[in-house]
Amino acid sequence: MSESSDFQEGLNFFLNKDYIKAEKCFIKAAKLGDPEAQFCLGDMHNNGYGVKKNEQKAVTFFRKSAEQRFTPSQINLGIMYSQGQGVEQNLIEAYKWLSIAGRAVDEEGGELAVDEEGRELLEVVEEQMTEGQIAEAVRLSKAWLKANQII
């Protein structure tokens, strides 16, 4: 995934805390479909960096990026669904996105396995879910992974 010059310029502005210029660059890159720029815009709106904090906008940007397989956005989207930030709380969607972020599936297409951080986040979400909800979340995760030719 090659980074756009707009994204790189935006990142430099962001790191120097020039959030207004960073946002302009990220918007340009995001409009061209850059998932990292979309993630950065989501982060800016989620935390109020140089913009008014707006969790709904953050979710929108994280979703665009997550749909392009950008793992940090998938994790953030899962967290936002688990906590009902910017969206109605939905543990099935939270579990789905956290599972997708892990992307590891055993050879027979069995249970999804994720890295250590993802495992801990999944466990927290899973503790609040019924068996039926977990089964539905796993089904949705696998369907997304198949549709995106990851499994």
C-alpha atoms as a PDB file:
ATOM      1  CA  MET A   1       0.000   0.000   0.000  1.00  0.00           C
ATOM      2  CA  SER A   2       1.825   3.101  -1.126  1.00  0.00           C
ATOM      3  CA  GLU A   3       1.280   6.245   0.848  1.00  0.00           C
ATOM      4  CA  SER A   4       0.087   9.314  -0.997  1.00  0.00           C
ATOM      5  CA  SER A   5       2.103  12.508  -0.785  1.00  0.00           C
ATOM      6  CA  ASP A   6      -0.980  14.227   0.678  1.00  0.00           C
ATOM      7  CA  PHE A   7      -1.109  11.624   3.438  1.00  0.00           C
ATOM      8  CA  GLN A   8       2.624  11.968   4.158  1.00  0.00           C
ATOM      9  CA  GLU A   9       2.397  15.768   4.202  1.00  0.00           C
ATOM     10  CA  GLY A  10      -0.638  15.545   6.486  1.00  0.00           C
ATOM     11  CA  LEU A  11       1.201  13.205   8.828  1.00  0.00           C
ATOM     12  CA  ASN A  12       4.110  15.665   9.068  1.00  0.00           C
ATOM     13  CA  PHE A  13       1.694  18.501   9.895  1.00  0.00           C
ATOM     14  CA  PHE A  14      -0.096  16.281  12.424  1.00  0.00           C
ATOM     15  CA  LEU A  15       3.134  15.320  14.186  1.00  0.00           C
ATOM     16  CA  ASN A  16       3.984  19.023  14.418  1.00  0.00           C
ATOM     17  CA  LYS A  17       0.508  19.646  15.893  1.00  0.00           C
ATOM     18  CA  ASP A  18      -0.582  21.774  12.909  1.00  0.00           C
ATOM     19  CA  TYR A  19      -3.949  20.054  12.872  1.00  0.00           C
ATOM     20  CA  ILE A  20      -5.665  22.433  10.464  1.00  0.00           C
ATOM     21  CA  LYS A  21      -3.136  21.795   7.688  1.00  0.00           C
ATOM     22  CA  ALA A  22      -3.018  18.097   8.594  1.00  0.00           C
ATOM     23  CA  GLU A  23      -6.789  17.784   8.237  1.00  0.00           C
ATOM     24  CA  LYS A  24      -6.727  19.443   4.788  1.00  0.00           C
ATOM     25  CA  CYS A  25      -4.069  17.017   3.553  1.00  0.00           C
ATOM     26  CA  PHE A  26      -5.797  13.988   5.079  1.00  0.00           C
ATOM     27  CA  ILE A  27      -9.115  14.990   3.475  1.00  0.00           C
ATOM     28  CA  LYS A  28      -7.465  15.180   0.039  1.00  0.00           C
ATOM     29  CA  ALA A  29      -5.874  11.759   0.481  1.00  0.00           C
ATOM     30  CA  ALA A  30      -9.029  10.247   2.022  1.00  0.00           C
ATOM     31  CA  LYS A  31     -11.126  11.379  -0.943  1.00  0.00           C
ATOM     32  CA  LEU A  32      -8.736   9.386  -3.135  1.00  0.00           C
ATOM     33  CA  GLY A  33      -9.403   6.342  -0.943  1.00  0.00           C
ATOM     34  CA  ASP A  34      -6.257   6.357   1.211  1.00  0.00           C
ATOM     35  CA  PRO A  35      -7.157   4.142   4.226  1.00  0.00           C
ATOM     36  CA  GLU A  36      -4.395   5.594   6.408  1.00  0.00           C
ATOM     37  CA  ALA A  37      -5.664   9.126   5.817  1.00  0.00           C
ATOM     38  CA  GLN A  38      -9.198   7.944   6.598  1.00  0.00           C
ATOM     39  CA  PHE A  39      -7.882   6.402   9.827  1.00  0.00           C
ATOM     40  CA  CYS A  40      -6.126   9.652  10.767  1.00  0.00           C
ATOM     41  CA  LEU A  41      -9.294  11.668  10.143  1.00  0.00           C
ATOM     42  CA  GLY A  42     -11.202   9.186  12.290  1.00  0.00           C
ATOM     43  CA  ASP A  43      -8.603   9.578  15.023  1.00  0.00           C
ATOM     44  CA  MET A  44      -8.751  13.376  14.812  1.00  0.00           C
ATOM     45  CA  HIS A  45     -12.549  13.364  15.162  1.00  0.00           C
ATOM     46  CA  ASN A  46     -12.525  10.685  17.866  1.00  0.00           C
ATOM     47  CA  ASN A  47     -10.065  12.639  20.015  1.00  0.00           C
ATOM     48  CA  GLY A  48     -10.822  16.223  19.012  1.00  0.00           C
ATOM     49  CA  TYR A  49      -7.389  16.943  17.508  1.00  0.00           C
ATOM     50  CA  GLY A  50      -7.851  20.307  15.792  1.00  0.00           C
ATOM     51  CA  VAL A  51     -11.523  19.559  15.118  1.00  0.00           C
ATOM     52  CA  LYS A  52     -14.601  19.382  17.292  1.00  0.00           C
ATOM     53  CA  LYS A  53     -14.799  15.883  18.806  1.00  0.00           C
ATOM     54  CA  ASN A  54     -17.381  13.962  16.782  1.00  0.00           C
ATOM     55  CA  GLU A  55     -17.588  10.223  17.342  1.00  0.00           C
ATOM     56  CA  GLN A  56     -20.112   9.724  14.523  1.00  0.00           C
ATOM     57  CA  LYS A  57     -17.675  11.221  12.005  1.00  0.00           C
ATOM     58  CA  ALA A  58     -14.895   9.132  13.524  1.00  0.00           C
ATOM     59  CA  VAL A  59     -16.931   5.957  12.974  1.00  0.00           C
ATOM     60  CA  THR A  60     -17.598   6.962   9.356  1.00  0.00           C
ATOM     61  CA  PHE A  61     -13.891   7.406   8.633  1.00  0.00           C
ATOM     62  CA  PHE A  62     -12.870   4.270  10.563  1.00  0.00           C
ATOM     63  CA  ARG A  63     -15.464   2.236   8.623  1.00  0.00           C
ATOM     64  CA  LYS A  64     -14.209   3.467   5.217  1.00  0.00           C
ATOM     65  CA  SER A  65     -10.677   2.536   6.222  1.00  0.00           C
ATOM     66  CA  ALA A  66     -11.673  -0.762   7.888  1.00  0.00           C
ATOM     67  CA  GLU A  67     -13.486  -1.865   4.737  1.00  0.00           C
ATOM     68  CA  GLN A  68     -10.136  -1.494   2.952  1.00  0.00           C
ATOM     69  CA  ARG A  69      -8.523  -3.956   5.372  1.00  0.00           C
ATOM     70  CA  PHE A  70      -6.705  -1.338   7.483  1.00  0.00           C
ATOM     71  CA  THR A  71      -6.293  -3.192  10.780  1.00  0.00           C
ATOM     72  CA  PRO A  72      -6.007  -0.204  13.184  1.00  0.00           C
ATOM     73  CA  SER A  73      -9.355   1.068  11.873  1.00  0.00           C
ATOM     74  CA  GLN A  74     -10.909  -2.379  12.259  1.00  0.00           C
ATOM     75  CA  ILE A  75      -9.797  -2.449  15.898  1.00  0.00           C
ATOM     76  CA  ASN A  76     -11.056   1.084  16.542  1.00  0.00           C
ATOM     77  CA  LEU A  77     -14.387   0.288  14.893  1.00  0.00           C
ATOM     78  CA  GLY A  78     -14.709  -2.801  17.091  1.00  0.00           C
ATOM     79  CA  ILE A  79     -13.968  -0.767  20.210  1.00  0.00           C
ATOM     80  CA  MET A  80     -16.470   1.932  19.240  1.00  0.00           C
ATOM     81  CA  TYR A  81     -19.200  -0.666  18.661  1.00  0.00           C
ATOM     82  CA  SER A  82     -18.364  -2.378  21.962  1.00  0.00           C
ATOM     83  CA  GLN A  83     -18.669   0.891  23.888  1.00  0.00           C
ATOM     84  CA  GLY A  84     -21.458   2.509  21.877  1.00  0.00           C
ATOM     85  CA  GLN A  85     -19.280   5.464  20.873  1.00  0.00           C
ATOM     86  CA  GLY A  86     -20.611   7.245  17.795  1.00  0.00           C
ATOM     87  CA  VAL A  87     -22.877   4.259  17.089  1.00  0.00           C
ATOM     88  CA  GLU A  88     -25.462   2.300  19.011  1.00  0.00           C
ATOM     89  CA  GLN A  89     -23.674  -0.350  21.080  1.00  0.00           C
ATOM     90  CA  ASN A  90     -23.615  -3.586  19.093  1.00  0.00           C
ATOM     91  CA  LEU A  91     -21.545  -6.421  20.520  1.00  0.00           C
ATOM     92  CA  ILE A  92     -21.989  -8.581  17.419  1.00  0.00           C
ATOM     93  CA  GLU A  93     -20.484  -5.845  15.216  1.00  0.00           C
ATOM     94  CA  ALA A  94     -17.761  -5.224  17.822  1.00  0.00           C
ATOM     95  CA  TYR A  95     -16.811  -8.900  17.879  1.00  0.00           C
ATOM     96  CA  LYS A  96     -16.978  -9.096  14.078  1.00  0.00           C
ATOM     97  CA  TRP A  97     -14.545  -6.201  13.541  1.00  0.00           C
ATOM     98  CA  LEU A  98     -12.159  -7.303  16.288  1.00  0.00           C
ATOM     99  CA  SER A  99     -12.138 -10.808  14.786  1.00  0.00           C
ATOM    100  CA  ILE A 100     -11.505  -9.449  11.300  1.00  0.00           C
ATOM    101  CA  ALA A 101      -8.606  -7.398  12.626  1.00  0.00           C
ATOM    102  CA  GLY A 102      -6.983 -10.650  13.782  1.00  0.00           C
ATOM    103  CA  ARG A 103      -7.448 -12.304  10.376  1.00  0.00           C
ATOM    104  CA  ALA A 104      -6.057 -15.638  11.465  1.00  0.00           C
ATOM    105  CA  VAL A 105      -8.244 -18.648  10.778  1.00  0.00           C
ATOM    106  CA  ASP A 106      -7.196 -22.243  11.245  1.00  0.00           C
ATOM    107  CA  GLU A 107      -6.754 -24.478   8.207  1.00  0.00           C
ATOM    108  CA  GLU A 108     -10.250 -25.935   8.428  1.00  0.00           C
ATOM    109  CA  GLY A 109     -11.807 -22.466   8.658  1.00  0.00           C
ATOM    110  CA  GLY A 110     -12.419 -22.950  12.374  1.00  0.00           C
ATOM    111  CA  GLU A 111     -12.497 -20.367  15.128  1.00  0.00           C
ATOM    112  CA  LEU A 112     -10.889 -17.031  14.449  1.00  0.00           C
ATOM    113  CA  ALA A 113      -7.686 -16.386  16.364  1.00  0.00           C
ATOM    114  CA  VAL A 114      -6.160 -12.953  16.923  1.00  0.00           C
ATOM    115  CA  ASP A 115      -3.015 -11.413  18.355  1.00  0.00           C
ATOM    116  CA  GLU A 116      -2.671 -10.833  22.116  1.00  0.00           C
ATOM    117  CA  GLU A 117      -4.196  -7.326  22.205  1.00  0.00           C
ATOM    118  CA  GLY A 118      -7.041  -8.416  19.979  1.00  0.00           C
ATOM    119  CA  ARG A 119      -7.589 -11.542  22.083  1.00  0.00           C
ATOM    120  CA  GLU A 120      -7.976  -9.421  25.244  1.00  0.00           C
ATOM    121  CA  LEU A 121     -10.412  -7.031  23.557  1.00  0.00           C
ATOM    122  CA  LEU A 122     -12.398  -9.954  22.144  1.00  0.00           C
ATOM    123  CA  GLU A 123     -12.589 -11.605  25.565  1.00  0.00           C
ATOM    124  CA  VAL A 124     -14.007  -8.437  27.131  1.00  0.00           C
ATOM    125  CA  VAL A 125     -16.674  -8.243  24.425  1.00  0.00           C
ATOM    126  CA  GLU A 126     -17.343 -11.996  24.474  1.00  0.00           C
ATOM    127  CA  GLU A 127     -18.038 -11.956  28.237  1.00  0.00           C
ATOM    128  CA  GLN A 128     -21.043  -9.718  27.559  1.00  0.00           C
ATOM    129  CA  MET A 129     -22.468 -11.861  24.736  1.00  0.00           C
ATOM    130  CA  THR A 130     -24.732 -14.892  24.506  1.00  0.00           C
ATOM    131  CA  GLU A 131     -23.601 -18.025  22.659  1.00  0.00           C
ATOM    132  CA  GLY A 132     -26.011 -17.151  19.852  1.00  0.00           C
ATOM    133  CA  GLN A 133     -24.552 -13.660  19.494  1.00  0.00           C
ATOM    134  CA  ILE A 134     -21.019 -15.060  19.371  1.00  0.00           C
ATOM    135  CA  ALA A 135     -22.025 -17.604  16.716  1.00  0.00           C
ATOM    136  CA  GLU A 136     -23.607 -14.819  14.624  1.00  0.00           C
ATOM    137  CA  ALA A 137     -20.530 -12.604  15.024  1.00  0.00           C
ATOM    138  CA  VAL A 138     -18.216 -15.453  13.946  1.00  0.00           C
ATOM    139  CA  ARG A 139     -20.465 -16.132  10.934  1.00  0.00           C
ATOM    140  CA  LEU A 140     -20.389 -12.441   9.923  1.00  0.00           C
ATOM    141  CA  SER A 141     -16.604 -12.277  10.392  1.00  0.00           C
ATOM    142  CA  LYS A 142     -16.021 -15.314   8.210  1.00  0.00           C
ATOM    143  CA  ALA A 143     -18.418 -13.999   5.554  1.00  0.00           C
ATOM    144  CA  TRP A 144     -16.510 -10.681   5.438  1.00  0.00           C
ATOM    145  CA  LEU A 145     -13.147 -12.433   5.296  1.00  0.00           C
ATOM    146  CA  LYS A 146     -14.359 -14.674   2.440  1.00  0.00           C
ATOM    147  CA  ALA A 147     -15.928 -11.763   0.543  1.00  0.00           C
ATOM    148  CA  ASN A 148     -12.602  -9.928   0.825  1.00  0.00           C
ATOM    149  CA  GLN A 149     -10.671 -13.039  -0.253  1.00  0.00           C
ATOM    150  CA  ILE A 150      -8.723 -13.284   2.994  1.00  0.00           C
ATOM    151  CA  ILE A 151      -9.859 -16.863   3.634  1.00  0.00           C
END
